[in-house]
Amino acid sequence: MKLANYSKEFKYNWNLASPVMLGMLGHTFVSFVDNVMVGQLGSAELAAVSLGNSFMFIAMSLGIGFSTAITPLIAEADAEQNFINGKSSFKHGLFLCTILGVLLFLLVFFAKPLMYLMKQPEEVVEFAMPYLDLVAVSLIPLIVFQGFKQFSDGLSMTKPPMYATILANIVNVVLNYVLIFGKFGMPELGIVGAAYGTLVSRLVMVGHLWFLLKQKEKSKAYVAHIKFFVLEKLMLKKIINLGTPSAMQMFFEVAIFTAAIWLSGLLGKNPQAANQIALNLSSMTFMVAMGLSVAAMIRVGNQKGLKNYFELRRIAHSIFLLGIIFATTFAILFLIFHQQLPKLYLDNNDIENVLDNTEVLTIAAKLLLVSAVFQISDSMQVLALGALRGLQDVKVPMFLVFISYWIVGFPISWFLGKEGSYGSFGIWLGLLAGLTSAAILLYIRFNYLTKKLILSNN
């Protein structure tokens, strides 16, 4: 087929995906702001945010992964113009997200003492404990927000979550500045101030999204008069069956990056701080791929509802192509600016910590070289995963993701990441191997399923 058959979809795909990208970048920007502002306090505080957030990332992966079950169900119901099924999917999904948010908060809260058993630097743990107390509470509004967001995405209304996230970021930046550094007569709370900013901004985010959806003609009937506790076992079971493997898919990926944080902590506070810088920068480019992945989920879900499998495959490939173009661009930028980008995170005029900061910057620059190489495989694996979720195929991809990250990737990180070997660089070589394996296996799965659907429909 001609390239034009794919590139003609770029504009529509971009219009659908770009608000999701901005919303996703907003989530990452909260972390970026925390890192940049806390980084001014010193490398130990930055490492503490990294350690505290490593617990959060695991919990968030389960919550966000589970919530993705809502989007393909809403997209399919929207294509079929079946309001009753759509509202039922949303209501049951939101109920389960709320319950899951509370459970994840309790999980993180009671898992805190594990930090003392993980052989992390003692100074870092002492800073991380009070930070994690408050940030754990923010999981509840965050996962509830995800329920609303995935519903909104399923209706192809990708802008309201973006607006809510932008407002939350503004709130977070202002509160961070005021509370971390003690401005305008407020107490100087340091790292705990960043936690307060995150919590308040996430409460604002969920409230604002609900308000926006109540104003929109397409969504207001869904979000009004929700009989929250009138539930059907069949729909609960359907969402749990879709959501649980999706949660595990995201968990397996986030867990290997979290393992990288912990393995870096075994090397010392400076490698851990460097790992956090490289991880935060990589996360921002990854959010572009995540936005396109949601577009793939929506559009594949729509075409599945219409039973138009040839178009489904063509549209998915157009999104894959757009993702690869972006990933290649980011790879080039990381290669060119790998030494300059880490300098955004630390105070270059901090004479007291100059040796620590120099080591952090040197390590982070090397890690960005690995990140540049895995931009394409990272993008491709999440795009294929989005398309497979649109097909409501979640169980086999869950196993493929596990094999890629934990049978292939983690052993390499473990063996090459020791102090006597390649250190932090070796840890990231394992990430590269895992992401590349996932990209190949998930695309093979998508290719097999779509060809099978087209043949069975002829």
Protein backbone atom coordinates (compact mmCIF):
# COMPACT_ATOMS: atom_id res chain seq x y z
CA MET A 1 0.00 0.00 0.00
CA LYS A 2 1.07 3.57 -0.66
CA LEU A 3 2.44 5.73 2.13
CA ALA A 4 -0.42 8.20 1.51
CA ASN A 5 -2.93 5.58 2.71
CA TYR A 6 -1.34 5.86 6.15
CA SER A 7 -0.18 9.49 6.22
CA LYS A 8 -3.67 10.79 5.38
CA GLU A 9 -4.72 9.64 8.87
CA PHE A 10 -1.97 11.66 10.58
CA LYS A 11 -4.02 14.83 11.05
CA TYR A 12 -7.02 13.07 12.62
CA ASN A 13 -4.78 10.87 14.77
CA TRP A 14 -2.83 13.93 15.93
CA ASN A 15 -6.02 15.87 16.78
CA LEU A 16 -7.23 12.92 18.83
CA ALA A 17 -3.89 12.13 20.48
CA SER A 18 -2.43 15.59 21.15
CA PRO A 19 -4.77 16.50 24.05
CA VAL A 20 -4.02 13.09 25.59
CA MET A 21 -0.29 13.73 25.14
CA LEU A 22 -0.58 17.12 26.83
CA GLY A 23 -2.60 15.56 29.64
CA MET A 24 -0.06 12.76 30.08
CA LEU A 25 2.80 15.24 29.90
CA GLY A 26 0.95 17.18 32.58
CA HIS A 27 1.17 14.17 34.93
CA THR A 28 4.87 13.88 34.17
CA PHE A 29 5.31 17.63 34.48
CA VAL A 30 4.09 17.41 38.09
CA SER A 31 7.02 15.04 38.68
CA PHE A 32 9.36 17.27 36.63
CA VAL A 33 8.46 20.35 38.71
CA ASP A 34 8.91 18.37 41.94
CA ASN A 35 12.32 17.13 40.73
CA VAL A 36 13.59 20.51 39.55
CA MET A 37 12.46 22.37 42.69
CA VAL A 38 13.54 19.65 45.11
CA GLY A 39 16.84 19.30 43.20
CA GLN A 40 17.69 22.83 44.37
CA LEU A 41 17.73 21.46 47.94
CA GLY A 42 20.41 18.82 47.16
CA SER A 43 21.03 15.37 45.66
CA ALA A 44 19.82 13.54 48.82
CA GLU A 45 16.41 15.25 48.61
CA LEU A 46 16.20 14.51 44.87
CA ALA A 47 17.05 10.85 45.51
CA ALA A 48 14.33 10.80 48.23
CA VAL A 49 11.68 11.97 45.76
CA SER A 50 12.91 9.24 43.42
CA LEU A 51 12.66 6.57 46.13
CA GLY A 52 9.23 7.76 47.35
CA ASN A 53 7.90 7.96 43.81
CA SER A 54 9.17 4.45 43.07
CA PHE A 55 6.46 3.17 45.44
CA MET A 56 3.95 5.53 43.84
CA PHE A 57 4.81 4.44 40.31
CA ILE A 58 4.01 0.83 41.15
CA ALA A 59 0.64 1.74 42.69
CA MET A 60 -0.17 4.18 39.86
CA SER A 61 0.66 1.57 37.23
CA LEU A 62 -1.95 -0.79 38.70
CA GLY A 63 -4.60 1.95 38.94
CA ILE A 64 -3.97 3.57 35.55
CA GLY A 65 -3.55 0.19 33.84
CA PHE A 66 -6.84 -1.06 35.29
CA SER A 67 -8.71 2.10 34.24
CA THR A 68 -7.75 1.58 30.57
CA ALA A 69 -10.41 -1.16 30.43
CA ILE A 70 -13.05 1.60 30.33
CA THR A 71 -11.86 3.25 27.09
CA PRO A 72 -12.35 0.41 24.54
CA LEU A 73 -15.76 -0.45 26.06
CA ILE A 74 -16.92 3.17 25.75
CA ALA A 75 -15.42 3.50 22.23
CA GLU A 76 -17.21 0.35 21.08
CA ALA A 77 -20.54 1.46 22.64
CA ASP A 78 -20.12 4.93 21.10
CA ALA A 79 -19.58 3.46 17.61
CA GLU A 80 -22.69 1.28 18.10
CA GLN A 81 -24.61 4.31 19.54
CA ASN A 82 -25.51 2.18 22.57
CA PHE A 83 -25.93 4.69 25.43
CA ILE A 84 -27.12 2.12 28.00
CA ASN A 85 -24.01 -0.06 27.56
CA GLY A 86 -21.79 3.01 27.58
CA LYS A 87 -23.21 4.41 30.81
CA SER A 88 -23.05 1.01 32.48
CA SER A 89 -19.39 0.60 31.47
CA PHE A 90 -18.57 4.07 32.83
CA LYS A 91 -20.45 3.67 36.12
CA HIS A 92 -19.01 0.26 36.93
CA GLY A 93 -15.54 1.35 35.85
CA LEU A 94 -15.67 4.47 38.05
CA PHE A 95 -16.87 2.41 41.02
CA LEU A 96 -14.00 -0.05 40.62
CA CYS A 97 -11.46 2.77 40.17
CA THR A 98 -12.63 4.40 43.41
CA ILE A 99 -12.31 1.12 45.36
CA LEU A 100 -8.91 0.47 43.77
CA GLY A 101 -7.70 4.00 44.65
CA VAL A 102 -8.44 3.43 48.34
CA LEU A 103 -6.79 -0.02 48.30
CA LEU A 104 -3.66 1.32 46.59
CA PHE A 105 -3.38 4.14 49.13
CA LEU A 106 -3.48 1.57 51.96
CA LEU A 107 -0.95 -0.62 50.14
CA VAL A 108 1.59 2.22 49.76
CA PHE A 109 0.99 3.55 53.27
CA PHE A 110 1.67 0.20 54.93
CA ALA A 111 4.55 -0.67 52.57
CA LYS A 112 6.64 2.34 53.65
CA PRO A 113 8.77 0.40 56.21
CA LEU A 114 10.12 -1.68 53.30
CA MET A 115 12.38 1.28 52.49
CA TYR A 116 14.46 0.44 55.56
CA LEU A 117 14.92 -3.14 54.30
CA MET A 118 16.00 -2.17 50.78
CA LYS A 119 19.57 -1.10 51.66
CA GLN A 120 18.88 2.43 50.42
CA PRO A 121 20.98 5.36 51.76
CA GLU A 122 19.68 6.15 55.28
CA GLU A 123 19.63 9.92 54.65
CA VAL A 124 17.47 9.37 51.57
CA VAL A 125 14.97 7.14 53.44
CA GLU A 126 14.57 9.72 56.24
CA PHE A 127 13.60 12.37 53.69
CA ALA A 128 11.33 9.99 51.72
CA MET A 129 9.10 8.78 54.59
CA PRO A 130 7.12 12.00 55.32
CA TYR A 131 6.96 12.77 51.57
CA LEU A 132 5.36 9.40 50.86
CA ASP A 133 2.72 9.82 53.61
CA LEU A 134 1.02 12.68 51.77
CA VAL A 135 1.65 11.56 48.19
CA ALA A 136 0.07 8.16 48.98
CA VAL A 137 -3.24 9.90 49.84
CA SER A 138 -3.20 11.57 46.40
CA LEU A 139 -3.58 8.12 44.81
CA ILE A 140 -7.31 8.18 45.60
CA PRO A 141 -8.20 11.31 43.58
CA LEU A 142 -5.69 10.31 40.88
CA ILE A 143 -7.29 6.90 40.18
CA VAL A 144 -10.81 8.41 40.33
CA PHE A 145 -9.60 10.99 37.79
CA GLN A 146 -8.38 8.12 35.59
CA GLY A 147 -11.88 6.62 35.62
CA PHE A 148 -13.32 9.90 34.31
CA LYS A 149 -10.44 10.39 31.88
CA GLN A 150 -10.67 6.96 30.27
CA PHE A 151 -14.42 7.44 29.85
CA SER A 152 -13.88 10.85 28.23
CA ASP A 153 -11.21 9.38 25.92
CA GLY A 154 -13.58 6.56 24.93
CA LEU A 155 -16.07 9.17 23.67
CA SER A 156 -13.18 10.73 21.66
CA MET A 157 -13.43 13.76 23.99
CA THR A 158 -9.72 14.00 24.72
CA LYS A 159 -9.62 17.75 25.51
CA PRO A 160 -11.46 17.94 28.90
CA PRO A 161 -8.85 15.75 30.71
CA MET A 162 -6.14 17.93 29.16
CA TYR A 163 -7.72 21.13 30.53
CA ALA A 164 -8.09 19.57 33.99
CA THR A 165 -4.44 18.48 33.97
CA ILE A 166 -3.20 21.92 32.88
CA LEU A 167 -5.10 23.55 35.77
CA ALA A 168 -3.67 20.95 38.18
CA ASN A 169 -0.15 21.74 36.97
CA ILE A 170 -0.60 25.45 37.57
CA VAL A 171 -1.83 24.70 41.10
CA ASN A 172 1.10 22.33 41.67
CA VAL A 173 3.77 24.80 40.48
CA VAL A 174 2.38 27.62 42.66
CA LEU A 175 2.03 25.45 45.78
CA ASN A 176 5.48 23.90 45.27
CA TYR A 177 7.12 27.31 45.05
CA VAL A 178 5.28 28.61 48.11
CA LEU A 179 5.60 25.52 50.32
CA ILE A 180 9.02 24.06 49.39
CA PHE A 181 10.86 27.34 49.82
CA GLY A 182 8.53 29.03 52.36
CA LYS A 183 7.40 32.03 50.28
CA PHE A 184 4.72 34.65 51.13
CA GLY A 185 4.96 33.98 54.85
CA MET A 186 4.32 30.22 54.53
CA PRO A 187 6.55 27.72 56.42
CA GLU A 188 9.54 26.29 54.53
CA LEU A 189 8.52 22.63 54.26
CA GLY A 190 11.14 21.39 51.79
CA ILE A 191 10.34 17.99 50.28
CA VAL A 192 7.04 17.74 52.23
CA GLY A 193 5.90 20.95 50.51
CA ALA A 194 6.18 19.14 47.15
CA ALA A 195 3.92 16.39 48.54
CA TYR A 196 1.26 18.92 49.60
CA GLY A 197 1.38 20.45 46.11
CA THR A 198 0.84 17.06 44.48
CA LEU A 199 -2.10 16.16 46.74
CA VAL A 200 -4.00 19.44 46.33
CA SER A 201 -3.40 19.58 42.57
CA ARG A 202 -4.85 16.06 42.10
CA LEU A 203 -7.98 16.95 44.08
CA VAL A 204 -8.43 20.02 41.86
CA MET A 205 -7.86 17.89 38.75
CA VAL A 206 -10.63 15.35 39.41
CA GLY A 207 -13.10 18.05 40.50
CA HIS A 208 -12.47 20.16 37.41
CA LEU A 209 -12.79 17.23 34.97
CA TRP A 210 -16.14 16.20 36.49
CA PHE A 211 -17.33 19.82 36.18
CA LEU A 212 -16.25 19.99 32.50
CA LEU A 213 -17.95 16.69 31.58
CA LYS A 214 -21.21 17.88 33.17
CA GLN A 215 -21.19 20.88 30.80
CA LYS A 216 -20.68 18.93 27.56
CA GLU A 217 -23.72 17.79 25.58
CA LYS A 218 -22.15 14.45 24.62
CA SER A 219 -21.11 13.45 28.15
CA LYS A 220 -23.49 15.13 30.62
CA ALA A 221 -26.10 12.34 30.50
CA TYR A 222 -23.38 9.82 31.39
CA VAL A 223 -21.97 11.69 34.41
CA ALA A 224 -25.31 12.87 35.87
CA HIS A 225 -27.60 10.78 38.10
CA ILE A 226 -25.10 7.95 38.58
CA LYS A 227 -26.60 5.24 40.78
CA PHE A 228 -23.18 4.39 42.17
CA PHE A 229 -24.18 1.39 44.27
CA VAL A 230 -26.71 -0.17 41.88
CA LEU A 231 -24.33 -2.65 40.29
CA GLU A 232 -24.52 -5.63 37.92
CA LYS A 233 -22.25 -8.62 38.53
CA LEU A 234 -21.87 -9.28 34.79
CA MET A 235 -20.52 -5.79 33.98
CA LEU A 236 -18.28 -5.77 37.07
CA LYS A 237 -16.85 -9.11 35.96
CA LYS A 238 -16.34 -7.87 32.39
CA ILE A 239 -14.38 -4.78 33.50
CA ILE A 240 -12.36 -6.77 36.05
CA ASN A 241 -11.50 -9.37 33.37
CA LEU A 242 -10.35 -6.60 31.02
CA GLY A 243 -8.81 -4.33 33.64
CA THR A 244 -6.78 -6.83 35.65
CA PRO A 245 -4.51 -8.02 32.79
CA SER A 246 -4.18 -4.39 31.62
CA ALA A 247 -3.13 -3.39 35.15
CA MET A 248 -0.58 -6.22 35.21
CA GLN A 249 0.79 -5.20 31.79
CA MET A 250 1.49 -1.70 33.04
CA PHE A 251 2.71 -3.02 36.40
CA PHE A 252 5.33 -5.28 34.75
CA GLU A 253 6.69 -2.34 32.73
CA VAL A 254 6.67 0.22 35.54
CA ALA A 255 8.08 -2.36 37.97
CA ILE A 256 11.23 -2.85 35.88
CA PHE A 257 11.81 0.92 35.82
CA THR A 258 11.17 0.95 39.57
CA ALA A 259 13.66 -1.89 39.95
CA ALA A 260 16.13 0.33 38.10
CA ILE A 261 15.58 3.01 40.78
CA TRP A 262 16.21 0.48 43.56
CA LEU A 263 19.26 -1.04 41.84
CA SER A 264 20.63 2.50 41.36
CA GLY A 265 20.06 3.10 45.09
CA LEU A 266 22.38 0.17 45.85
CA LEU A 267 25.11 2.08 43.99
CA GLY A 268 24.60 5.23 46.13
CA LYS A 269 22.62 8.47 46.23
CA ASN A 270 24.35 10.02 43.19
CA PRO A 271 23.62 7.14 40.77
CA GLN A 272 20.05 7.13 42.11
CA ALA A 273 19.64 10.88 41.54
CA ALA A 274 21.11 10.48 38.00
CA ASN A 275 18.72 7.62 37.31
CA GLN A 276 15.82 9.86 38.38
CA ILE A 277 16.88 12.63 35.98
CA ALA A 278 17.19 10.27 33.00
CA LEU A 279 13.95 8.53 33.93
CA ASN A 280 12.04 11.81 34.20
CA LEU A 281 13.29 13.04 30.81
CA SER A 282 12.51 9.67 29.19
CA SER A 283 9.04 9.72 30.76
CA MET A 284 8.23 13.01 29.05
CA THR A 285 8.99 11.67 25.57
CA PHE A 286 7.17 8.43 26.45
CA MET A 287 3.98 10.43 27.13
CA VAL A 288 3.83 11.37 23.44
CA ALA A 289 3.78 7.65 22.60
CA MET A 290 1.19 7.13 25.36
CA GLY A 291 -1.06 9.75 23.75
CA LEU A 292 -0.85 7.96 20.41
CA SER A 293 -1.46 4.65 22.21
CA VAL A 294 -4.76 6.02 23.56
CA ALA A 295 -5.64 7.19 20.02
CA ALA A 296 -4.93 3.63 18.81
CA MET A 297 -7.13 2.21 21.58
CA ILE A 298 -10.03 4.56 20.68
CA ARG A 299 -9.85 4.15 16.92
CA VAL A 300 -9.31 0.38 17.01
CA GLY A 301 -12.21 0.13 19.50
CA ASN A 302 -14.43 2.16 17.15
CA GLN A 303 -13.57 -0.02 14.13
CA LYS A 304 -14.11 -3.16 16.21
CA GLY A 305 -17.62 -1.88 17.05
CA LEU A 306 -18.22 -1.32 13.31
CA LYS A 307 -16.62 -4.73 12.50
CA ASN A 308 -14.48 -3.02 9.86
CA TYR A 309 -11.26 -4.99 10.36
CA PHE A 310 -9.39 -3.96 7.21
CA GLU A 311 -9.77 -0.28 8.16
CA LEU A 312 -8.85 -1.16 11.74
CA ARG A 313 -5.49 -2.54 10.59
CA ARG A 314 -4.79 0.37 8.22
CA ILE A 315 -5.58 3.00 10.90
CA ALA A 316 -3.45 1.21 13.51
CA HIS A 317 -0.47 1.11 11.14
CA SER A 318 -0.86 4.83 10.42
CA ILE A 319 -0.60 5.48 14.19
CA PHE A 320 2.44 3.18 14.46
CA LEU A 321 4.15 5.13 11.66
CA LEU A 322 3.43 8.50 13.29
CA GLY A 323 4.79 7.17 16.59
CA ILE A 324 8.03 6.00 14.98
CA ILE A 325 8.53 9.45 13.39
CA PHE A 326 8.20 11.14 16.80
CA ALA A 327 10.41 8.56 18.52
CA THR A 328 13.19 9.02 15.94
CA THR A 329 13.04 12.80 16.47
CA PHE A 330 13.36 12.39 20.25
CA ALA A 331 16.23 9.93 19.83
CA ILE A 332 18.18 12.50 17.79
CA LEU A 333 17.48 15.26 20.36
CA PHE A 334 18.68 13.05 23.25
CA LEU A 335 21.87 12.19 21.34
CA ILE A 336 22.60 15.86 20.62
CA PHE A 337 21.69 17.29 24.05
CA HIS A 338 22.53 14.36 26.38
CA GLN A 339 25.03 16.50 28.32
CA GLN A 340 22.94 19.69 28.51
CA LEU A 341 19.52 18.30 29.55
CA PRO A 342 20.54 16.92 33.01
CA LYS A 343 21.80 20.40 33.98
CA LEU A 344 18.16 21.54 34.21
CA TYR A 345 17.77 19.52 37.41
CA LEU A 346 20.62 20.70 39.63
CA ASP A 347 21.91 24.02 40.92
CA ASN A 348 25.12 24.71 38.99
CA ASN A 349 26.11 27.38 41.55
CA ASP A 350 25.92 25.01 44.53
CA ILE A 351 29.58 25.05 45.60
CA GLU A 352 28.91 22.90 48.67
CA ASN A 353 27.63 19.95 46.59
CA VAL A 354 29.73 20.51 43.47
CA LEU A 355 31.41 17.05 43.52
CA ASP A 356 28.09 15.21 44.01
CA ASN A 357 26.38 17.28 41.32
CA THR A 358 29.20 16.70 38.83
CA GLU A 359 28.97 12.93 39.33
CA VAL A 360 25.16 13.00 38.96
CA LEU A 361 25.41 14.97 35.69
CA THR A 362 28.08 12.64 34.25
CA ILE A 363 26.05 9.50 34.96
CA ALA A 364 22.76 11.03 33.74
CA ALA A 365 24.37 12.06 30.43
CA LYS A 366 25.44 8.44 29.77
CA LEU A 367 21.97 7.12 30.63
CA LEU A 368 20.39 9.50 28.12
CA LEU A 369 22.48 7.87 25.39
CA VAL A 370 20.80 4.53 26.17
CA SER A 371 17.42 6.27 26.36
CA ALA A 372 18.02 7.73 22.88
CA VAL A 373 18.52 4.22 21.51
CA PHE A 374 15.35 2.78 23.09
CA GLN A 375 13.02 5.62 22.05
CA ILE A 376 11.73 3.67 19.03
CA SER A 377 11.23 0.34 20.80
CA ASP A 378 9.60 2.08 23.80
CA SER A 379 7.21 3.89 21.48
CA MET A 380 6.41 0.81 19.41
CA GLN A 381 5.64 -1.44 22.38
CA VAL A 382 3.14 1.00 23.92
CA LEU A 383 1.47 1.69 20.54
CA ALA A 384 1.02 -2.04 19.88
CA LEU A 385 -0.31 -2.45 23.42
CA GLY A 386 -2.87 0.33 22.85
CA ALA A 387 -4.08 -1.26 19.63
CA LEU A 388 -4.40 -4.66 21.34
CA ARG A 389 -6.41 -3.08 24.18
CA GLY A 390 -8.70 -1.59 21.52
CA LEU A 391 -9.24 -5.17 20.32
CA GLN A 392 -9.92 -6.08 23.99
CA ASP A 393 -7.03 -8.55 23.77
CA VAL A 394 -5.30 -8.26 27.14
CA LYS A 395 -4.38 -11.69 28.53
CA VAL A 396 -1.77 -12.85 25.99
CA PRO A 397 -0.12 -9.38 25.89
CA MET A 398 0.16 -9.53 29.69
CA PHE A 399 2.33 -12.67 29.40
CA LEU A 400 4.35 -11.21 26.50
CA VAL A 401 5.10 -8.09 28.57
CA PHE A 402 6.13 -10.23 31.57
CA ILE A 403 8.53 -12.29 29.45
CA SER A 404 10.05 -9.17 27.86
CA TYR A 405 10.72 -7.25 31.05
CA TRP A 406 11.30 -9.91 33.66
CA ILE A 407 12.72 -12.89 31.74
CA VAL A 408 14.80 -10.82 29.27
CA GLY A 409 15.28 -7.29 30.67
CA PHE A 410 15.66 -7.60 34.45
CA PRO A 411 18.39 -10.30 34.52
CA ILE A 412 20.51 -8.10 32.21
CA SER A 413 19.96 -5.06 34.47
CA TRP A 414 20.86 -7.16 37.52
CA PHE A 415 24.08 -8.67 36.11
CA LEU A 416 25.38 -5.58 34.28
CA GLY A 417 24.21 -3.05 36.89
CA LYS A 418 26.56 -4.06 39.70
CA GLU A 419 29.26 -1.69 40.93
CA GLY A 420 32.05 -3.89 39.56
CA SER A 421 30.39 -4.08 36.14
CA TYR A 422 28.72 -1.24 34.18
CA GLY A 423 26.79 0.31 37.10
CA SER A 424 23.86 2.56 36.12
CA PHE A 425 24.70 2.18 32.42
CA GLY A 426 24.32 -1.60 32.74
CA ILE A 427 20.95 -1.21 34.47
CA TRP A 428 19.68 0.80 31.51
CA LEU A 429 21.04 -1.72 28.98
CA GLY A 430 18.63 -4.19 30.61
CA LEU A 431 15.78 -1.70 30.11
CA LEU A 432 16.75 -1.41 26.44
CA ALA A 433 16.66 -5.19 26.00
CA GLY A 434 13.27 -5.50 27.71
CA LEU A 435 11.60 -2.71 25.72
CA THR A 436 12.93 -4.03 22.40
CA SER A 437 11.66 -7.55 23.16
CA ALA A 438 8.23 -6.17 24.10
CA ALA A 439 8.01 -4.11 20.89
CA ILE A 440 8.74 -7.14 18.70
CA LEU A 441 6.44 -9.62 20.53
CA LEU A 442 3.46 -7.24 20.84
CA TYR A 443 3.61 -6.24 17.18
CA ILE A 444 3.71 -9.92 16.14
CA ARG A 445 0.59 -10.48 18.29
CA PHE A 446 -1.25 -7.51 16.72
CA ASN A 447 -0.26 -8.58 13.19
CA TYR A 448 -1.50 -12.14 13.82
CA LEU A 449 -4.86 -11.10 15.32
CA THR A 450 -5.77 -8.49 12.70
CA LYS A 451 -4.93 -10.80 9.79
CA LYS A 452 -7.03 -13.50 11.43
CA LEU A 453 -9.99 -11.10 11.85
CA ILE A 454 -9.79 -9.97 8.20
CA LEU A 455 -9.68 -13.57 6.93
CA SER A 456 -12.59 -14.68 9.13
CA ASN A 457 -14.68 -11.71 7.95
CA ASN A 458 -14.24 -12.50 4.23
